[in-house]
Amino acid sequence: MWRLRERTHPVLTDEGGAILSERTGRWSYLTPTAAAAVMLLVASTSEEEAADRFAERYGIPAGQSAADVHTVVETLTAQGLAHDGPEPARQSCRWWKGWRS
């Protein structure tokens, strides 16, 4: 199941949106259609369901909507803002383990 990573904060509207990554402190800005795809992805149980709803919303062929939604998925995953499946385990901070007061 596709989802945004922990410590990411989406601000999504019909006019566009952005996602803040706490890890990097950077905003990733979204076009209105990309923001709609993210809203549908978050509300759906699968990428295919989101693509079907995207096609219905914009009145476009299923193949085009699947490609558009998949592009959003790939882009946000490549930027480290999203993932498919369970949240990866957090890595502990090595310097903290050896620190003593």
N, C-alpha and C. Protein backbone atom coordinates (compact mmCIF):
# COMPACT_ATOMS: atom_id res chain seq x y z
N MET A 1 0.84 -1.17 0.00
CA MET A 1 0.00 0.00 0.00
C MET A 1 0.89 1.25 0.00
N TRP A 2 0.62 2.15 -0.90
CA TRP A 2 1.39 3.38 -1.02
C TRP A 2 1.04 4.31 0.12
N ARG A 3 2.06 4.98 0.66
CA ARG A 3 1.80 5.98 1.71
C ARG A 3 2.95 6.97 1.79
N LEU A 4 2.64 8.12 2.35
CA LEU A 4 3.68 9.11 2.62
C LEU A 4 4.50 8.62 3.81
N ARG A 5 5.77 8.95 3.81
CA ARG A 5 6.64 8.55 4.91
C ARG A 5 6.29 9.32 6.18
N GLU A 6 6.68 8.73 7.31
CA GLU A 6 6.56 9.45 8.57
C GLU A 6 7.41 10.71 8.47
N ARG A 7 7.01 11.72 9.18
CA ARG A 7 7.72 12.99 9.24
C ARG A 7 7.67 13.75 7.92
N THR A 8 6.62 13.46 7.12
CA THR A 8 6.31 14.30 5.96
C THR A 8 4.95 14.92 6.23
N HIS A 9 4.78 16.14 5.78
CA HIS A 9 3.55 16.86 6.09
C HIS A 9 2.98 17.45 4.80
N PRO A 10 1.90 16.85 4.29
CA PRO A 10 1.29 17.36 3.07
C PRO A 10 0.34 18.52 3.33
N VAL A 11 0.34 19.46 2.42
CA VAL A 11 -0.64 20.55 2.38
C VAL A 11 -1.22 20.47 0.98
N LEU A 12 -2.42 19.90 0.87
CA LEU A 12 -3.00 19.59 -0.43
C LEU A 12 -4.33 20.29 -0.61
N THR A 13 -4.50 20.94 -1.76
CA THR A 13 -5.77 21.58 -2.11
C THR A 13 -6.05 21.27 -3.58
N ASP A 14 -7.21 21.68 -4.05
CA ASP A 14 -7.53 21.50 -5.46
C ASP A 14 -6.71 22.44 -6.34
N GLU A 15 -6.09 23.45 -5.75
CA GLU A 15 -5.28 24.40 -6.51
C GLU A 15 -3.80 24.03 -6.54
N GLY A 16 -3.43 22.92 -5.91
CA GLY A 16 -2.03 22.49 -5.86
C GLY A 16 -1.68 22.10 -4.45
N GLY A 17 -0.41 22.03 -4.17
CA GLY A 17 -0.03 21.65 -2.83
C GLY A 17 1.46 21.55 -2.67
N ALA A 18 1.86 21.08 -1.50
CA ALA A 18 3.27 20.91 -1.18
C ALA A 18 3.38 19.85 -0.10
N ILE A 19 4.57 19.26 0.00
CA ILE A 19 4.86 18.27 1.03
C ILE A 19 6.17 18.69 1.69
N LEU A 20 6.15 18.82 3.00
CA LEU A 20 7.34 19.17 3.76
C LEU A 20 7.97 17.90 4.30
N SER A 21 9.26 17.75 4.09
CA SER A 21 10.02 16.65 4.67
C SER A 21 10.76 17.18 5.89
N GLU A 22 10.46 16.66 7.07
CA GLU A 22 11.20 17.06 8.27
C GLU A 22 12.66 16.63 8.17
N ARG A 23 12.90 15.52 7.49
CA ARG A 23 14.25 14.99 7.37
C ARG A 23 15.17 15.97 6.65
N THR A 24 14.68 16.57 5.57
CA THR A 24 15.52 17.48 4.78
C THR A 24 15.19 18.94 5.03
N GLY A 25 14.01 19.23 5.57
CA GLY A 25 13.59 20.61 5.78
C GLY A 25 13.15 21.28 4.49
N ARG A 26 12.92 20.50 3.45
CA ARG A 26 12.55 21.05 2.14
C ARG A 26 11.09 20.78 1.82
N TRP A 27 10.52 21.72 1.07
CA TRP A 27 9.17 21.58 0.54
C TRP A 27 9.26 21.06 -0.89
N SER A 28 8.40 20.15 -1.26
CA SER A 28 8.23 19.70 -2.64
C SER A 28 6.87 20.20 -3.09
N TYR A 29 6.86 21.02 -4.12
CA TYR A 29 5.62 21.63 -4.58
C TYR A 29 4.95 20.77 -5.63
N LEU A 30 3.61 20.75 -5.61
CA LEU A 30 2.82 19.90 -6.49
C LEU A 30 1.89 20.74 -7.35
N THR A 31 1.72 20.30 -8.59
CA THR A 31 0.73 20.90 -9.46
C THR A 31 -0.66 20.51 -8.94
N PRO A 32 -1.71 21.16 -9.41
CA PRO A 32 -3.06 20.76 -8.97
C PRO A 32 -3.38 19.29 -9.26
N THR A 33 -2.97 18.79 -10.42
CA THR A 33 -3.28 17.38 -10.72
C THR A 33 -2.43 16.43 -9.89
N ALA A 34 -1.18 16.79 -9.61
CA ALA A 34 -0.35 15.95 -8.74
C ALA A 34 -0.90 15.94 -7.32
N ALA A 35 -1.36 17.10 -6.83
CA ALA A 35 -1.97 17.16 -5.50
C ALA A 35 -3.22 16.29 -5.46
N ALA A 36 -4.03 16.32 -6.51
CA ALA A 36 -5.23 15.47 -6.57
C ALA A 36 -4.84 13.99 -6.55
N ALA A 37 -3.79 13.63 -7.28
CA ALA A 37 -3.34 12.24 -7.29
C ALA A 37 -2.89 11.81 -5.90
N VAL A 38 -2.17 12.68 -5.18
CA VAL A 38 -1.73 12.34 -3.82
C VAL A 38 -2.94 12.18 -2.90
N MET A 39 -3.92 13.08 -2.99
CA MET A 39 -5.12 12.96 -2.17
C MET A 39 -5.82 11.63 -2.43
N LEU A 40 -5.91 11.24 -3.69
CA LEU A 40 -6.57 9.98 -4.04
C LEU A 40 -5.73 8.78 -3.59
N LEU A 41 -4.41 8.87 -3.71
CA LEU A 41 -3.54 7.79 -3.25
C LEU A 41 -3.66 7.57 -1.75
N VAL A 42 -3.69 8.65 -0.99
CA VAL A 42 -3.79 8.56 0.46
C VAL A 42 -5.14 7.97 0.87
N ALA A 43 -6.18 8.29 0.13
CA ALA A 43 -7.53 7.83 0.46
C ALA A 43 -7.87 6.45 -0.11
N SER A 44 -7.00 5.90 -0.95
CA SER A 44 -7.28 4.62 -1.61
C SER A 44 -6.48 3.49 -0.99
N THR A 45 -6.92 2.28 -1.29
CA THR A 45 -6.21 1.11 -0.78
C THR A 45 -5.14 0.62 -1.75
N SER A 46 -5.14 1.14 -2.98
CA SER A 46 -4.13 0.72 -3.95
C SER A 46 -3.92 1.82 -4.99
N GLU A 47 -2.80 1.71 -5.68
CA GLU A 47 -2.51 2.65 -6.76
C GLU A 47 -3.56 2.52 -7.87
N GLU A 48 -4.02 1.30 -8.14
CA GLU A 48 -5.01 1.07 -9.18
C GLU A 48 -6.34 1.74 -8.84
N GLU A 49 -6.75 1.66 -7.57
CA GLU A 49 -7.99 2.31 -7.15
C GLU A 49 -7.86 3.83 -7.31
N ALA A 50 -6.72 4.37 -6.92
CA ALA A 50 -6.50 5.81 -7.06
C ALA A 50 -6.54 6.22 -8.53
N ALA A 51 -5.95 5.40 -9.40
CA ALA A 51 -5.95 5.71 -10.83
C ALA A 51 -7.36 5.68 -11.40
N ASP A 52 -8.17 4.72 -10.96
CA ASP A 52 -9.57 4.66 -11.42
C ASP A 52 -10.34 5.91 -11.00
N ARG A 53 -10.14 6.33 -9.77
CA ARG A 53 -10.83 7.53 -9.27
C ARG A 53 -10.31 8.79 -9.96
N PHE A 54 -9.02 8.81 -10.29
CA PHE A 54 -8.40 9.93 -11.00
C PHE A 54 -9.01 10.03 -12.40
N ALA A 55 -9.16 8.89 -13.09
CA ALA A 55 -9.75 8.87 -14.43
C ALA A 55 -11.19 9.39 -14.38
N GLU A 56 -11.93 8.96 -13.38
CA GLU A 56 -13.32 9.40 -13.23
C GLU A 56 -13.39 10.91 -12.96
N ARG A 57 -12.51 11.38 -12.10
CA ARG A 57 -12.52 12.80 -11.72
C ARG A 57 -12.20 13.72 -12.90
N TYR A 58 -11.22 13.32 -13.73
CA TYR A 58 -10.78 14.18 -14.83
C TYR A 58 -11.33 13.76 -16.19
N GLY A 59 -12.09 12.69 -16.24
CA GLY A 59 -12.69 12.25 -17.50
C GLY A 59 -11.67 11.86 -18.55
N ILE A 60 -10.64 11.14 -18.12
CA ILE A 60 -9.57 10.72 -19.04
C ILE A 60 -9.54 9.20 -19.11
N PRO A 61 -8.91 8.64 -20.15
CA PRO A 61 -8.84 7.19 -20.28
C PRO A 61 -8.07 6.55 -19.12
N ALA A 62 -8.44 5.32 -18.79
CA ALA A 62 -7.82 4.60 -17.68
C ALA A 62 -6.32 4.46 -17.84
N GLY A 63 -5.85 4.21 -19.05
CA GLY A 63 -4.42 4.07 -19.28
C GLY A 63 -3.64 5.34 -18.98
N GLN A 64 -4.20 6.46 -19.37
CA GLN A 64 -3.55 7.75 -19.11
C GLN A 64 -3.54 8.05 -17.62
N SER A 65 -4.66 7.80 -16.94
CA SER A 65 -4.72 8.09 -15.51
C SER A 65 -3.77 7.18 -14.73
N ALA A 66 -3.66 5.92 -15.14
CA ALA A 66 -2.72 5.00 -14.48
C ALA A 66 -1.29 5.49 -14.64
N ALA A 67 -0.95 5.97 -15.84
CA ALA A 67 0.40 6.48 -16.09
C ALA A 67 0.65 7.76 -15.28
N ASP A 68 -0.33 8.64 -15.22
CA ASP A 68 -0.17 9.90 -14.47
C ASP A 68 0.00 9.63 -12.97
N VAL A 69 -0.83 8.78 -12.41
CA VAL A 69 -0.74 8.47 -10.99
C VAL A 69 0.58 7.76 -10.69
N HIS A 70 0.98 6.86 -11.57
CA HIS A 70 2.24 6.14 -11.37
C HIS A 70 3.44 7.10 -11.41
N THR A 71 3.38 8.11 -12.26
CA THR A 71 4.45 9.10 -12.32
C THR A 71 4.56 9.84 -10.99
N VAL A 72 3.43 10.20 -10.39
CA VAL A 72 3.44 10.85 -9.08
C VAL A 72 4.04 9.91 -8.03
N VAL A 73 3.64 8.65 -8.05
CA VAL A 73 4.16 7.65 -7.11
C VAL A 73 5.68 7.54 -7.25
N GLU A 74 6.16 7.37 -8.48
CA GLU A 74 7.60 7.22 -8.71
C GLU A 74 8.38 8.47 -8.28
N THR A 75 7.85 9.64 -8.59
CA THR A 75 8.55 10.88 -8.26
C THR A 75 8.66 11.08 -6.75
N LEU A 76 7.55 10.89 -6.03
CA LEU A 76 7.59 11.09 -4.58
C LEU A 76 8.41 10.01 -3.88
N THR A 77 8.39 8.79 -4.43
CA THR A 77 9.21 7.72 -3.87
C THR A 77 10.70 8.02 -4.08
N ALA A 78 11.05 8.48 -5.28
CA ALA A 78 12.45 8.82 -5.58
C ALA A 78 12.95 9.97 -4.72
N GLN A 79 12.05 10.89 -4.34
CA GLN A 79 12.42 12.01 -3.49
C GLN A 79 12.46 11.64 -2.00
N GLY A 80 12.10 10.39 -1.69
CA GLY A 80 12.10 9.94 -0.30
C GLY A 80 10.92 10.41 0.51
N LEU A 81 9.85 10.85 -0.16
CA LEU A 81 8.67 11.35 0.54
C LEU A 81 7.59 10.28 0.72
N ALA A 82 7.70 9.20 -0.03
CA ALA A 82 6.67 8.15 0.02
C ALA A 82 7.34 6.79 -0.14
N HIS A 83 6.55 5.75 0.13
CA HIS A 83 7.03 4.39 -0.05
C HIS A 83 5.84 3.46 -0.26
N ASP A 84 6.15 2.29 -0.72
CA ASP A 84 5.13 1.26 -0.93
C ASP A 84 5.40 0.16 0.06
N GLY A 85 4.43 -0.14 0.90
CA GLY A 85 4.61 -1.18 1.90
C GLY A 85 4.77 -0.58 3.29
N PRO A 86 5.19 -1.42 4.25
CA PRO A 86 5.32 -0.92 5.63
C PRO A 86 6.45 0.10 5.74
N GLU A 87 6.33 0.96 6.73
CA GLU A 87 7.36 1.98 6.98
C GLU A 87 8.67 1.27 7.34
N PRO A 88 9.76 1.63 6.66
CA PRO A 88 11.06 1.02 6.99
C PRO A 88 11.43 1.31 8.44
N ALA A 89 12.15 0.38 9.06
CA ALA A 89 12.58 0.58 10.44
C ALA A 89 13.54 1.75 10.52
N ARG A 90 13.43 2.48 11.60
CA ARG A 90 14.33 3.60 11.81
C ARG A 90 15.69 3.09 12.25
N GLN A 91 16.72 3.75 11.75
CA GLN A 91 18.07 3.40 12.17
C GLN A 91 18.42 4.23 13.39
N SER A 92 19.06 3.58 14.34
CA SER A 92 19.43 4.31 15.55
C SER A 92 20.64 5.20 15.27
N CYS A 93 20.81 6.15 16.09
CA CYS A 93 21.88 7.11 15.95
C CYS A 93 23.11 6.58 16.70
N ARG A 94 24.18 6.26 16.00
CA ARG A 94 25.35 5.64 16.63
C ARG A 94 26.02 6.54 17.65
N TRP A 95 26.17 7.81 17.36
CA TRP A 95 26.87 8.68 18.30
C TRP A 95 26.14 8.79 19.61
N TRP A 96 24.82 8.64 19.59
CA TRP A 96 24.04 8.76 20.81
C TRP A 96 24.30 7.59 21.74
N LYS A 97 24.47 6.39 21.22
CA LYS A 97 24.68 5.19 22.04
C LYS A 97 25.95 5.28 22.89
N GLY A 98 26.97 5.92 22.35
CA GLY A 98 28.24 5.99 23.07
C GLY A 98 28.36 7.21 23.97
N TRP A 99 27.37 8.08 23.95
CA TRP A 99 27.46 9.31 24.72
C TRP A 99 27.11 9.07 26.17
N ARG A 100 27.89 9.63 27.06
CA ARG A 100 27.64 9.53 28.50
C ARG A 100 27.76 10.92 29.11
N SER A 101 26.98 11.18 30.15
CA SER A 101 27.08 12.49 30.79
C SER A 101 27.98 12.44 32.01
